[in-house]
């Protein structure tokens, strides 16, 4: 998730993407995501196994920022909020 194009990024894992995104948009999570207004779903991956998802989350969190930006822009160059069409 992001606060906007080239904005602050947040990486997380959830078993219910729609619910998690809606809670971010409503400001129901405090702390980092609320402080930086991180409400746009700009990239996501789906896994069949939660452990695979946690492993990928840890991997992505170690990446340099410009690598994360390239990953987002490969499929979403305009940094569009994907939740608008997904849900």
N, C-alpha and C. Protein backbone atom coordinates (compact mmCIF):
# COMPACT_ATOMS: atom_id res chain seq x y z
N UNK A 1 0.85 -1.16 0.00
CA UNK A 1 0.00 0.00 0.00
C UNK A 1 0.89 1.23 0.00
N UNK A 2 0.34 2.36 -0.42
CA UNK A 2 1.12 3.59 -0.53
C UNK A 2 0.25 4.80 -0.19
N UNK A 3 0.94 5.88 0.10
CA UNK A 3 0.25 7.14 0.37
C UNK A 3 -0.01 7.92 -0.92
N UNK A 4 0.50 7.44 -2.03
CA UNK A 4 0.37 8.08 -3.33
C UNK A 4 1.57 7.73 -4.18
N UNK A 5 1.61 8.23 -5.39
CA UNK A 5 2.72 7.90 -6.29
C UNK A 5 4.04 8.33 -5.67
N UNK A 6 4.96 7.37 -5.60
CA UNK A 6 6.29 7.57 -5.00
C UNK A 6 6.21 8.02 -3.54
N UNK A 7 5.08 7.73 -2.92
CA UNK A 7 4.89 8.12 -1.52
C UNK A 7 5.41 7.08 -0.56
N UNK A 8 4.95 7.17 0.66
CA UNK A 8 5.34 6.24 1.71
C UNK A 8 4.73 4.88 1.42
N UNK A 9 5.52 3.83 1.60
CA UNK A 9 5.08 2.47 1.31
C UNK A 9 4.85 1.68 2.59
N UNK A 10 3.90 0.74 2.51
CA UNK A 10 3.62 -0.17 3.61
C UNK A 10 3.44 -1.57 3.02
N UNK A 11 4.06 -2.55 3.65
CA UNK A 11 3.94 -3.94 3.22
C UNK A 11 3.36 -4.73 4.38
N UNK A 12 2.35 -5.53 4.10
CA UNK A 12 1.75 -6.34 5.15
C UNK A 12 1.13 -7.61 4.58
N UNK A 13 0.68 -8.48 5.48
CA UNK A 13 0.05 -9.74 5.12
C UNK A 13 -1.34 -9.77 5.73
N UNK A 14 -2.29 -10.32 5.00
CA UNK A 14 -3.64 -10.47 5.52
C UNK A 14 -4.31 -11.68 4.88
N UNK A 15 -5.28 -12.23 5.57
CA UNK A 15 -6.07 -13.32 5.00
C UNK A 15 -7.35 -12.77 4.36
N UNK A 16 -7.59 -11.46 4.50
CA UNK A 16 -8.78 -10.84 3.93
C UNK A 16 -8.39 -9.45 3.39
N UNK A 17 -7.96 -9.42 2.14
CA UNK A 17 -7.44 -8.19 1.55
C UNK A 17 -8.47 -7.07 1.53
N UNK A 18 -9.69 -7.38 1.15
CA UNK A 18 -10.72 -6.34 1.07
C UNK A 18 -10.96 -5.69 2.43
N UNK A 19 -11.08 -6.51 3.45
CA UNK A 19 -11.31 -5.98 4.80
C UNK A 19 -10.13 -5.13 5.26
N UNK A 20 -8.93 -5.61 5.00
CA UNK A 20 -7.73 -4.89 5.44
C UNK A 20 -7.62 -3.54 4.74
N UNK A 21 -7.84 -3.52 3.44
CA UNK A 21 -7.78 -2.26 2.68
C UNK A 21 -8.84 -1.29 3.18
N UNK A 22 -10.06 -1.78 3.38
CA UNK A 22 -11.14 -0.91 3.86
C UNK A 22 -10.80 -0.31 5.21
N UNK A 23 -10.21 -1.08 6.09
CA UNK A 23 -9.83 -0.56 7.40
C UNK A 23 -8.76 0.51 7.29
N UNK A 24 -7.81 0.34 6.37
CA UNK A 24 -6.80 1.38 6.15
C UNK A 24 -7.47 2.65 5.62
N UNK A 25 -8.38 2.50 4.68
CA UNK A 25 -9.05 3.66 4.09
C UNK A 25 -9.90 4.41 5.12
N UNK A 26 -10.45 3.68 6.08
CA UNK A 26 -11.28 4.29 7.12
C UNK A 26 -10.45 4.82 8.29
N UNK A 27 -9.15 4.61 8.24
CA UNK A 27 -8.28 5.09 9.31
C UNK A 27 -8.41 4.32 10.61
N UNK A 28 -8.83 3.05 10.51
CA UNK A 28 -9.04 2.25 11.71
C UNK A 28 -7.74 1.70 12.31
N UNK A 29 -6.67 1.70 11.53
CA UNK A 29 -5.37 1.30 12.06
C UNK A 29 -4.62 2.56 12.46
N UNK A 30 -4.12 2.57 13.65
CA UNK A 30 -3.33 3.72 14.10
C UNK A 30 -1.89 3.59 13.66
N UNK A 31 -1.07 4.42 14.19
CA UNK A 31 0.37 4.32 13.96
C UNK A 31 0.81 4.76 12.58
N UNK A 32 1.75 4.00 12.05
CA UNK A 32 2.45 4.34 10.81
C UNK A 32 1.52 4.62 9.63
N UNK A 33 0.60 3.68 9.36
CA UNK A 33 -0.25 3.84 8.17
C UNK A 33 -1.20 5.02 8.29
N UNK A 34 -1.69 5.28 9.49
CA UNK A 34 -2.58 6.43 9.68
C UNK A 34 -1.79 7.74 9.62
N UNK A 35 -0.62 7.76 10.26
CA UNK A 35 0.22 8.96 10.28
C UNK A 35 0.57 9.42 8.87
N UNK A 36 0.87 8.46 7.99
CA UNK A 36 1.29 8.80 6.62
C UNK A 36 0.18 8.65 5.58
N UNK A 37 -1.06 8.46 6.04
CA UNK A 37 -2.22 8.38 5.16
C UNK A 37 -2.03 7.33 4.05
N UNK A 38 -1.64 6.16 4.44
CA UNK A 38 -1.38 5.07 3.49
C UNK A 38 -2.69 4.34 3.24
N UNK A 39 -3.33 4.67 2.12
CA UNK A 39 -4.67 4.14 1.84
C UNK A 39 -4.82 3.53 0.45
N UNK A 40 -3.83 3.64 -0.42
CA UNK A 40 -3.95 3.14 -1.79
C UNK A 40 -3.30 1.77 -1.94
N UNK A 41 -4.07 0.81 -2.43
CA UNK A 41 -3.54 -0.51 -2.74
C UNK A 41 -2.90 -0.42 -4.12
N UNK A 42 -1.58 -0.40 -4.18
CA UNK A 42 -0.88 -0.22 -5.45
C UNK A 42 -0.24 -1.50 -5.97
N UNK A 43 -0.17 -2.53 -5.11
CA UNK A 43 0.43 -3.80 -5.51
C UNK A 43 -0.03 -4.87 -4.52
N UNK A 44 -0.24 -6.07 -5.01
CA UNK A 44 -0.55 -7.18 -4.12
C UNK A 44 -0.16 -8.49 -4.78
N UNK A 45 0.06 -9.49 -3.97
CA UNK A 45 0.33 -10.84 -4.41
C UNK A 45 -0.58 -11.78 -3.63
N UNK A 46 -1.00 -12.86 -4.25
CA UNK A 46 -1.87 -13.84 -3.59
C UNK A 46 -1.09 -15.14 -3.40
N UNK A 47 -1.21 -15.70 -2.21
CA UNK A 47 -0.56 -16.95 -1.87
C UNK A 47 -1.59 -17.93 -1.34
N UNK A 48 -1.37 -19.20 -1.61
CA UNK A 48 -2.25 -20.24 -1.10
C UNK A 48 -1.88 -20.68 0.31
N UNK A 49 -0.67 -20.30 0.74
CA UNK A 49 -0.16 -20.72 2.04
C UNK A 49 0.31 -19.50 2.82
N UNK A 50 -0.14 -19.35 4.07
CA UNK A 50 0.18 -18.17 4.86
C UNK A 50 1.68 -18.08 5.15
N UNK A 51 2.34 -19.21 5.30
CA UNK A 51 3.78 -19.18 5.57
C UNK A 51 4.54 -18.62 4.36
N UNK A 52 4.11 -18.96 3.15
CA UNK A 52 4.72 -18.39 1.94
C UNK A 52 4.53 -16.88 1.92
N UNK A 53 3.35 -16.44 2.33
CA UNK A 53 3.06 -15.01 2.36
C UNK A 53 3.96 -14.29 3.36
N UNK A 54 4.15 -14.88 4.54
CA UNK A 54 5.03 -14.27 5.55
C UNK A 54 6.48 -14.23 5.06
N UNK A 55 6.91 -15.29 4.40
CA UNK A 55 8.27 -15.32 3.85
C UNK A 55 8.46 -14.22 2.82
N UNK A 56 7.48 -14.06 1.94
CA UNK A 56 7.55 -13.01 0.91
C UNK A 56 7.52 -11.62 1.54
N UNK A 57 6.70 -11.43 2.56
CA UNK A 57 6.64 -10.15 3.25
C UNK A 57 8.00 -9.78 3.81
N UNK A 58 8.64 -10.71 4.49
CA UNK A 58 9.97 -10.46 5.06
C UNK A 58 10.98 -10.14 3.97
N UNK A 59 10.89 -10.85 2.85
CA UNK A 59 11.79 -10.61 1.73
C UNK A 59 11.62 -9.19 1.19
N UNK A 60 10.37 -8.80 0.94
CA UNK A 60 10.11 -7.47 0.38
C UNK A 60 10.51 -6.35 1.34
N UNK A 61 10.32 -6.56 2.62
CA UNK A 61 10.67 -5.53 3.60
C UNK A 61 12.18 -5.28 3.64
N UNK A 62 12.97 -6.25 3.22
CA UNK A 62 14.43 -6.09 3.18
C UNK A 62 14.91 -5.39 1.90
N UNK A 63 14.04 -5.32 0.90
CA UNK A 63 14.42 -4.72 -0.37
C UNK A 63 14.67 -3.22 -0.23
N UNK A 64 15.51 -2.70 -1.09
CA UNK A 64 15.72 -1.26 -1.18
C UNK A 64 14.45 -0.62 -1.77
N UNK A 65 14.23 0.61 -1.43
CA UNK A 65 13.03 1.32 -1.87
C UNK A 65 12.89 1.32 -3.40
N UNK A 66 13.97 1.58 -4.12
CA UNK A 66 13.84 1.65 -5.58
C UNK A 66 13.49 0.29 -6.19
N UNK A 67 13.85 -0.80 -5.54
CA UNK A 67 13.45 -2.13 -6.02
C UNK A 67 11.94 -2.30 -5.84
N UNK A 68 11.43 -1.82 -4.72
CA UNK A 68 9.98 -1.90 -4.47
C UNK A 68 9.22 -1.06 -5.48
N UNK A 69 9.74 0.12 -5.77
CA UNK A 69 9.09 0.99 -6.76
C UNK A 69 9.06 0.33 -8.13
N UNK A 70 10.15 -0.30 -8.52
CA UNK A 70 10.18 -1.00 -9.81
C UNK A 70 9.18 -2.14 -9.85
N UNK A 71 9.03 -2.86 -8.74
CA UNK A 71 8.05 -3.94 -8.67
C UNK A 71 6.63 -3.40 -8.85
N UNK A 72 6.32 -2.31 -8.18
CA UNK A 72 5.00 -1.69 -8.31
C UNK A 72 4.77 -1.22 -9.75
N UNK A 73 5.74 -0.50 -10.30
CA UNK A 73 5.57 0.13 -11.61
C UNK A 73 5.60 -0.86 -12.77
N UNK A 74 6.07 -2.08 -12.53
CA UNK A 74 6.05 -3.11 -13.57
C UNK A 74 4.61 -3.39 -13.99
N UNK A 75 3.71 -3.48 -13.03
CA UNK A 75 2.30 -3.78 -13.32
C UNK A 75 1.36 -2.60 -13.12
N UNK A 76 1.83 -1.58 -12.42
CA UNK A 76 0.96 -0.44 -12.09
C UNK A 76 1.76 0.87 -12.21
N UNK A 77 2.16 1.24 -13.43
CA UNK A 77 3.03 2.41 -13.61
C UNK A 77 2.39 3.73 -13.14
N UNK A 78 1.08 3.80 -13.10
CA UNK A 78 0.41 5.02 -12.66
C UNK A 78 0.12 5.04 -11.17
N UNK A 79 0.52 4.01 -10.46
CA UNK A 79 0.26 3.89 -9.02
C UNK A 79 -1.23 4.04 -8.72
N UNK A 80 -2.06 3.47 -9.58
CA UNK A 80 -3.51 3.55 -9.38
C UNK A 80 -3.91 2.72 -8.16
N UNK A 81 -4.97 3.13 -7.50
CA UNK A 81 -5.51 2.38 -6.37
C UNK A 81 -6.24 1.16 -6.95
N UNK A 82 -5.64 -0.01 -6.82
CA UNK A 82 -6.18 -1.22 -7.40
C UNK A 82 -7.46 -1.71 -6.71
N UNK A 83 -7.70 -1.23 -5.51
CA UNK A 83 -8.89 -1.66 -4.78
C UNK A 83 -10.17 -1.18 -5.46
N UNK A 84 -10.09 -0.08 -6.20
CA UNK A 84 -11.28 0.45 -6.88
C UNK A 84 -11.87 -0.57 -7.85
N UNK A 85 -11.01 -1.31 -8.56
CA UNK A 85 -11.48 -2.29 -9.54
C UNK A 85 -11.54 -3.70 -8.95
N UNK A 86 -10.77 -3.94 -7.92
CA UNK A 86 -10.69 -5.28 -7.34
C UNK A 86 -11.91 -5.63 -6.49
N UNK A 87 -12.45 -4.65 -5.80
CA UNK A 87 -13.58 -4.93 -4.88
C UNK A 87 -14.85 -4.28 -5.39
